[in-house]
Amino acid sequence: MTEDPLRTRRATLDDLDALKSLWASMRLPVDEMEKRLTEFQIAEDATGRFAGALGLQIVRQHALLHSEEYPNFADADAARELFWERIQKLAATHGIFRLWTQERSRYWSRLGFLPADAETLARLPDEWKKFGDQLGASERSGGGWFTLELKNEAAINAALENKLAGFMADEKKSVEEVSARVKQVTTFITIACFGIFFICLALAFWLFLHRR
């Protein structure tokens, strides 16, 4: 491991040459990866020495860790610790429910990534179902998906549904109360109009009698 502490940041165009070299060594389609430049997190030391990269793509409430590579694997665990801290912050910011990866490092399994069963795979975003074939990850990883649940999606959805149901019930009650008040006002106005009509009729009849 390098003696200088590592730091992480988002990839920029200045990192493109180093990343292209890394992607080529991984036998990934460089042209395709270049389009995904902004997905990558970079690890470097204080001198700016490139120490590794990890892709992170976000689709709705899911995030995909991909194309992890290090020029010197002595830096790998230190970089992964920093990448993990950054991933957690980004996941919290974007409201991520679940992480996915085809990377097979034991580091990720120690964090709780488990092989995805058929039921869990049904939640895999359609955008990623051919991800391994497109980027060569299946050749490197064996094609298996691993996943880590950050938040219980079912529980959150149920809570949101209950909250929505409560909101709709409150709205219905409010509408009913407003309708009742409108009905009361309408009834009062109707009675007042009839009262004024009869008063005017009586006044007209009184005037008619007195003119005679």
Protein backbone atom coordinates (compact mmCIF):
# COMPACT_ATOMS: atom_id res chain seq x y z
CA MET A 1 0.00 0.00 0.00
CA THR A 2 1.21 3.49 -0.79
CA GLU A 3 2.67 5.49 2.07
CA ASP A 4 0.75 8.59 1.00
CA PRO A 5 -2.91 8.63 2.08
CA LEU A 6 -5.43 8.33 -0.73
CA ARG A 7 -8.36 10.57 -1.51
CA THR A 8 -11.34 10.16 -3.83
CA ARG A 9 -13.14 12.46 -6.20
CA ARG A 10 -15.27 12.37 -9.31
CA ALA A 11 -13.47 11.74 -12.60
CA THR A 12 -12.79 14.66 -14.95
CA LEU A 13 -11.43 14.95 -18.49
CA ASP A 14 -7.95 15.24 -16.99
CA ASP A 15 -8.28 11.59 -15.89
CA LEU A 16 -9.28 10.31 -19.32
CA ASP A 17 -5.84 9.16 -20.48
CA ALA A 18 -5.21 7.19 -17.29
CA LEU A 19 -8.69 5.70 -17.43
CA LYS A 20 -8.34 4.72 -21.09
CA SER A 21 -5.13 2.88 -20.28
CA LEU A 22 -6.86 1.15 -17.38
CA TRP A 23 -9.93 0.19 -19.45
CA ALA A 24 -7.73 -1.17 -22.22
CA SER A 25 -5.87 -3.35 -19.72
CA MET A 26 -9.23 -4.63 -18.50
CA ARG A 27 -10.30 -5.40 -22.09
CA LEU A 28 -13.28 -3.09 -21.76
CA PRO A 29 -14.66 -1.17 -24.79
CA VAL A 30 -12.79 2.10 -24.39
CA ASP A 31 -15.12 4.14 -26.61
CA GLU A 32 -18.17 3.00 -24.66
CA MET A 33 -16.49 3.61 -21.32
CA GLU A 34 -15.42 7.10 -22.34
CA LYS A 35 -19.12 8.02 -22.68
CA ARG A 36 -19.54 6.98 -19.04
CA LEU A 37 -16.67 9.11 -17.74
CA THR A 38 -18.80 11.06 -15.25
CA GLU A 39 -19.88 7.82 -13.54
CA PHE A 40 -16.36 7.11 -12.32
CA GLN A 41 -14.89 7.82 -8.91
CA ILE A 42 -11.11 8.25 -8.83
CA ALA A 43 -8.62 7.37 -6.10
CA GLU A 44 -5.32 9.24 -6.00
CA ASP A 45 -2.63 10.11 -3.50
CA ALA A 46 -1.51 13.57 -2.38
CA THR A 47 0.87 13.87 -5.33
CA GLY A 48 -1.93 13.22 -7.81
CA ARG A 49 -0.78 9.69 -8.62
CA PHE A 50 -3.67 7.72 -10.09
CA ALA A 51 -4.42 4.79 -7.76
CA GLY A 52 -7.69 3.34 -9.01
CA ALA A 53 -11.20 3.85 -10.35
CA LEU A 54 -14.71 2.59 -9.69
CA GLY A 55 -17.82 3.23 -11.76
CA LEU A 56 -21.07 4.15 -10.02
CA GLN A 57 -24.22 4.44 -12.08
CA ILE A 58 -27.52 5.48 -10.50
CA VAL A 59 -30.90 4.52 -11.94
CA ARG A 60 -33.90 5.57 -9.87
CA GLN A 61 -33.45 4.02 -6.38
CA HIS A 62 -30.69 1.63 -7.48
CA ALA A 63 -26.93 2.09 -7.86
CA LEU A 64 -24.47 -0.08 -9.78
CA LEU A 65 -20.80 -0.50 -8.85
CA HIS A 66 -18.84 -1.49 -11.93
CA SER A 67 -15.51 -1.58 -13.79
CA GLU A 68 -13.36 -1.50 -10.65
CA GLU A 69 -9.63 -1.56 -11.36
CA TYR A 70 -6.30 -0.53 -9.81
CA PRO A 71 -2.91 -0.09 -11.50
CA ASN A 72 -1.32 -1.39 -8.30
CA PHE A 73 -3.51 -3.75 -6.26
CA ALA A 74 -1.54 -2.84 -3.15
CA ASP A 75 -3.73 0.29 -3.17
CA ALA A 76 -6.98 -1.61 -3.64
CA ASP A 77 -8.28 -1.99 -0.07
CA ALA A 78 -7.37 1.55 0.96
CA ALA A 79 -9.10 2.89 -2.14
CA ARG A 80 -12.15 0.68 -1.58
CA GLU A 81 -12.59 2.03 1.95
CA LEU A 82 -12.70 5.57 0.56
CA PHE A 83 -14.93 4.54 -2.33
CA TRP A 84 -17.32 2.93 0.14
CA GLU A 85 -17.52 6.10 2.23
CA ARG A 86 -18.27 8.09 -0.92
CA ILE A 87 -20.83 5.56 -2.14
CA GLN A 88 -22.72 5.75 1.16
CA LYS A 89 -22.87 9.55 0.96
CA LEU A 90 -24.08 9.48 -2.64
CA ALA A 91 -26.62 6.78 -1.79
CA ALA A 92 -28.00 8.88 1.05
CA THR A 93 -28.16 11.96 -1.19
CA HIS A 94 -29.98 10.14 -4.00
CA GLY A 95 -32.25 8.01 -1.80
CA ILE A 96 -30.77 4.71 -3.00
CA PHE A 97 -32.55 1.55 -1.79
CA ARG A 98 -30.23 -1.10 -3.22
CA LEU A 99 -26.68 -1.50 -4.55
CA TRP A 100 -25.72 -3.94 -7.31
CA THR A 101 -22.40 -5.19 -8.63
CA GLN A 102 -20.73 -7.95 -10.59
CA GLU A 103 -17.39 -7.32 -8.89
CA ARG A 104 -16.30 -10.37 -6.94
CA SER A 105 -13.77 -8.92 -4.50
CA ARG A 106 -14.07 -10.29 -0.96
CA TYR A 107 -14.05 -6.69 0.26
CA TRP A 108 -17.57 -6.16 -1.09
CA SER A 109 -18.83 -9.48 0.26
CA ARG A 110 -17.54 -8.49 3.72
CA LEU A 111 -19.68 -5.37 3.49
CA GLY A 112 -22.75 -7.54 3.00
CA PHE A 113 -23.07 -7.96 -0.76
CA LEU A 114 -24.76 -11.31 -1.40
CA PRO A 115 -25.57 -13.27 -4.56
CA ALA A 116 -28.93 -12.12 -5.89
CA ASP A 117 -31.61 -14.81 -5.98
CA ALA A 118 -34.32 -14.98 -8.64
CA GLU A 119 -36.78 -12.92 -6.59
CA THR A 120 -34.23 -10.18 -6.00
CA LEU A 121 -33.03 -10.23 -9.62
CA ALA A 122 -36.56 -9.31 -10.66
CA ARG A 123 -35.84 -5.88 -9.14
CA LEU A 124 -32.73 -5.34 -11.28
CA PRO A 125 -33.34 -2.28 -13.49
CA ASP A 126 -33.85 -3.17 -17.15
CA GLU A 127 -30.99 -0.81 -18.07
CA TRP A 128 -28.50 -3.21 -16.43
CA LYS A 129 -29.75 -6.59 -17.58
CA LYS A 130 -27.21 -6.65 -20.43
CA PHE A 131 -24.62 -4.62 -18.59
CA GLY A 132 -22.13 -7.44 -18.24
CA ASP A 133 -22.24 -8.31 -21.93
CA GLN A 134 -21.92 -4.66 -22.97
CA LEU A 135 -18.91 -3.82 -20.80
CA GLY A 136 -17.19 -7.16 -20.52
CA ALA A 137 -18.01 -7.51 -16.83
CA SER A 138 -19.40 -10.99 -17.33
CA GLU A 139 -16.00 -12.23 -18.54
CA ARG A 140 -14.24 -10.71 -15.53
CA SER A 141 -16.84 -11.50 -12.88
CA GLY A 142 -18.40 -14.72 -14.00
CA GLY A 143 -21.62 -12.90 -14.87
CA GLY A 144 -23.15 -13.21 -11.39
CA TRP A 145 -25.02 -10.38 -9.71
CA PHE A 146 -24.39 -9.40 -6.09
CA THR A 147 -26.59 -6.99 -4.20
CA LEU A 148 -26.80 -5.10 -0.92
CA GLU A 149 -30.06 -3.70 0.43
CA LEU A 150 -29.51 -0.30 2.03
CA LYS A 151 -33.16 0.37 2.81
CA ASN A 152 -36.14 -1.98 2.96
CA GLU A 153 -37.91 -1.01 -0.23
CA ALA A 154 -41.07 -2.94 0.58
CA ALA A 155 -41.35 -1.36 4.05
CA ILE A 156 -40.72 2.13 2.66
CA ASN A 157 -43.29 1.66 -0.11
CA ALA A 158 -45.80 0.33 2.42
CA ALA A 159 -45.16 3.31 4.68
CA LEU A 160 -45.60 5.68 1.73
CA GLU A 161 -48.82 3.94 0.74
CA ASN A 162 -50.13 4.23 4.31
CA LYS A 163 -49.11 7.85 4.42
CA LEU A 164 -50.77 8.46 1.07
CA ALA A 165 -53.90 6.65 2.23
CA GLY A 166 -53.98 8.81 5.36
CA PHE A 167 -53.44 11.93 3.28
CA MET A 168 -56.25 10.95 0.92
CA ALA A 169 -58.55 10.25 3.88
CA ASP A 170 -57.73 13.68 5.36
CA GLU A 171 -58.32 15.30 1.97
CA LYS A 172 -61.64 13.48 1.61
CA LYS A 173 -62.67 14.62 5.08
CA SER A 174 -61.66 18.19 4.28
CA VAL A 175 -63.62 18.10 1.01
CA GLU A 176 -66.66 16.73 2.83
CA GLU A 177 -66.40 19.47 5.48
CA VAL A 178 -66.09 22.16 2.81
CA SER A 179 -69.02 20.65 0.90
CA ALA A 180 -71.10 20.66 4.07
CA ARG A 181 -70.25 24.31 4.73
CA VAL A 182 -71.05 25.22 1.13
CA LYS A 183 -74.36 23.40 1.45
CA GLN A 184 -75.14 25.31 4.65
CA VAL A 185 -74.27 28.63 3.03
CA THR A 186 -76.29 27.73 -0.05
CA THR A 187 -79.29 26.82 2.12
CA PHE A 188 -78.96 30.08 4.08
CA ILE A 189 -78.74 32.13 0.88
CA THR A 190 -81.75 30.29 -0.58
CA ILE A 191 -83.82 30.95 2.55
CA ALA A 192 -82.68 34.58 2.63
CA CYS A 193 -83.61 35.02 -1.03
CA PHE A 194 -87.10 33.56 -0.42
CA GLY A 195 -87.44 35.81 2.66
CA ILE A 196 -86.49 38.90 0.66
CA PHE A 197 -88.85 37.82 -2.13
CA PHE A 198 -91.81 37.48 0.25
CA ILE A 199 -90.94 40.78 1.95
CA CYS A 200 -90.86 42.51 -1.43
CA LEU A 201 -94.13 40.83 -2.38
CA ALA A 202 -95.74 41.94 0.85
CA LEU A 203 -94.41 45.46 0.39
CA ALA A 204 -95.72 45.58 -3.16
CA PHE A 205 -99.14 44.35 -1.98
CA TRP A 206 -99.17 47.00 0.81
CA LEU A 207 -98.31 49.75 -1.65
CA PHE A 208 -101.00 48.53 -3.98
CA LEU A 209 -103.62 48.68 -1.23
CA HIS A 210 -102.59 52.17 -0.08
CA ARG A 211 -102.61 53.58 -3.62
CA ARG A 212 -106.25 52.55 -3.89
